[in-house]
Amino acid sequence: MMLTCLATAEVLKKETEEANEEQVLVKLARIKALKELEYIEAQIELKTVKEMEKRVQGDWSVKQLEGSFSKGEQ
């Protein structure tokens, strides 16, 4: 009876350790996924900022041309 209890306890201990290891792996995977998400979001934001800068520069160039034409008409 005592050996059966010890064997059962050992099996439960091993299962608990395995479950804990799996839980740690899941947490690590979650952390990695969050870091990847942050990286992707940063890349999207950078792309958006670059596109906005191009638009602003384009608008500025158009205004310069309009100003040049206005001066030329005078």
C-alpha atoms as a PDB file:
ATOM      1  CA  MET A   1       0.000   0.000   0.000  1.00  0.00           C
ATOM      2  CA  MET A   2       2.800   2.388   0.923  1.00  0.00           C
ATOM      3  CA  LEU A   3       4.650   1.669  -2.328  1.00  0.00           C
ATOM      4  CA  THR A   4       1.464   2.301  -4.287  1.00  0.00           C
ATOM      5  CA  CYS A   5       1.020   5.680  -2.584  1.00  0.00           C
ATOM      6  CA  LEU A   6       4.666   6.587  -3.215  1.00  0.00           C
ATOM      7  CA  ALA A   7       4.384   5.553  -6.853  1.00  0.00           C
ATOM      8  CA  THR A   8       1.192   7.575  -7.244  1.00  0.00           C
ATOM      9  CA  ALA A   9       2.821  10.567  -5.560  1.00  0.00           C
ATOM     10  CA  GLU A  10       5.818  10.267  -7.874  1.00  0.00           C
ATOM     11  CA  VAL A  11       3.573  10.106 -10.950  1.00  0.00           C
ATOM     12  CA  LEU A  12       1.611  13.149  -9.767  1.00  0.00           C
ATOM     13  CA  LYS A  13       4.834  15.029  -9.054  1.00  0.00           C
ATOM     14  CA  LYS A  14       6.126  14.260 -12.559  1.00  0.00           C
ATOM     15  CA  GLU A  15       2.822  15.309 -14.157  1.00  0.00           C
ATOM     16  CA  THR A  16       2.869  18.546 -12.161  1.00  0.00           C
ATOM     17  CA  GLU A  17       6.432  19.291 -13.277  1.00  0.00           C
ATOM     18  CA  GLU A  18       5.496  18.628 -16.905  1.00  0.00           C
ATOM     19  CA  ALA A  19       2.444  20.870 -16.604  1.00  0.00           C
ATOM     20  CA  ASN A  20       4.596  23.617 -15.077  1.00  0.00           C
ATOM     21  CA  GLU A  21       7.116  23.281 -17.907  1.00  0.00           C
ATOM     22  CA  GLU A  22       4.325  23.539 -20.464  1.00  0.00           C
ATOM     23  CA  GLN A  23       2.956  26.605 -18.700  1.00  0.00           C
ATOM     24  CA  VAL A  24       6.389  28.247 -18.805  1.00  0.00           C
ATOM     25  CA  LEU A  25       6.692  27.469 -22.525  1.00  0.00           C
ATOM     26  CA  VAL A  26       3.258  28.969 -23.160  1.00  0.00           C
ATOM     27  CA  LYS A  27       4.221  32.124 -21.255  1.00  0.00           C
ATOM     28  CA  LEU A  28       7.469  32.407 -23.221  1.00  0.00           C
ATOM     29  CA  ALA A  29       5.603  31.953 -26.496  1.00  0.00           C
ATOM     30  CA  ARG A  30       3.135  34.655 -25.443  1.00  0.00           C
ATOM     31  CA  ILE A  31       5.964  37.059 -24.608  1.00  0.00           C
ATOM     32  CA  LYS A  32       7.587  36.369 -27.976  1.00  0.00           C
ATOM     33  CA  ALA A  33       4.288  36.915 -29.788  1.00  0.00           C
ATOM     34  CA  LEU A  34       3.741  40.229 -27.982  1.00  0.00           C
ATOM     35  CA  LYS A  35       7.239  41.395 -28.926  1.00  0.00           C
ATOM     36  CA  GLU A  36       6.589  40.447 -32.547  1.00  0.00           C
ATOM     37  CA  LEU A  37       3.291  42.329 -32.443  1.00  0.00           C
ATOM     38  CA  GLU A  38       5.017  45.426 -31.052  1.00  0.00           C
ATOM     39  CA  TYR A  39       7.628  45.203 -33.820  1.00  0.00           C
ATOM     40  CA  ILE A  40       4.966  44.870 -36.517  1.00  0.00           C
ATOM     41  CA  GLU A  41       2.989  47.796 -35.094  1.00  0.00           C
ATOM     42  CA  ALA A  42       6.162  49.916 -35.001  1.00  0.00           C
ATOM     43  CA  GLN A  43       6.893  49.054 -38.638  1.00  0.00           C
ATOM     44  CA  ILE A  44       3.351  50.024 -39.641  1.00  0.00           C
ATOM     45  CA  GLU A  45       3.645  53.313 -37.749  1.00  0.00           C
ATOM     46  CA  LEU A  46       7.015  54.038 -39.373  1.00  0.00           C
ATOM     47  CA  LYS A  47       5.587  53.348 -42.821  1.00  0.00           C
ATOM     48  CA  THR A  48       2.632  55.642 -42.089  1.00  0.00           C
ATOM     49  CA  VAL A  49       4.931  58.447 -40.924  1.00  0.00           C
ATOM     50  CA  LYS A  50       7.098  58.109 -44.040  1.00  0.00           C
ATOM     51  CA  GLU A  51       4.017  58.249 -46.270  1.00  0.00           C
ATOM     52  CA  MET A  52       2.786  61.347 -44.436  1.00  0.00           C
ATOM     53  CA  GLU A  53       6.197  62.996 -44.844  1.00  0.00           C
ATOM     54  CA  LYS A  54       6.071  62.338 -48.593  1.00  0.00           C
ATOM     55  CA  ARG A  55       2.608  63.903 -48.787  1.00  0.00           C
ATOM     56  CA  VAL A  56       3.723  66.949 -46.817  1.00  0.00           C
ATOM     57  CA  GLN A  57       6.784  67.368 -49.040  1.00  0.00           C
ATOM     58  CA  GLY A  58       4.576  66.977 -52.102  1.00  0.00           C
ATOM     59  CA  ASP A  59       2.155  69.614 -50.816  1.00  0.00           C
ATOM     60  CA  TRP A  60       5.066  71.936 -50.065  1.00  0.00           C
ATOM     61  CA  SER A  61       6.456  71.471 -53.594  1.00  0.00           C
ATOM     62  CA  VAL A  62       3.055  72.259 -55.103  1.00  0.00           C
ATOM     63  CA  LYS A  63       2.800  75.431 -53.020  1.00  0.00           C
ATOM     64  CA  GLN A  64       6.280  76.465 -54.156  1.00  0.00           C
ATOM     65  CA  LEU A  65       5.276  75.961 -57.785  1.00  0.00           C
ATOM     66  CA  GLU A  66       2.051  77.892 -57.247  1.00  0.00           C
ATOM     67  CA  GLY A  67       4.079  80.702 -55.687  1.00  0.00           C
ATOM     68  CA  SER A  68       6.469  80.713 -58.637  1.00  0.00           C
ATOM     69  CA  PHE A  69       3.581  80.919 -61.094  1.00  0.00           C
ATOM     70  CA  SER A  70       1.999  83.737 -59.107  1.00  0.00           C
ATOM     71  CA  LYS A  71       5.241  85.722 -59.190  1.00  0.00           C
ATOM     72  CA  GLY A  72       5.613  85.051 -62.895  1.00  0.00           C
ATOM     73  CA  GLU A  73       2.144  86.429 -63.632  1.00  0.00           C
ATOM     74  CA  GLN A  74       2.917  89.735 -61.970  1.00  0.00           C
END
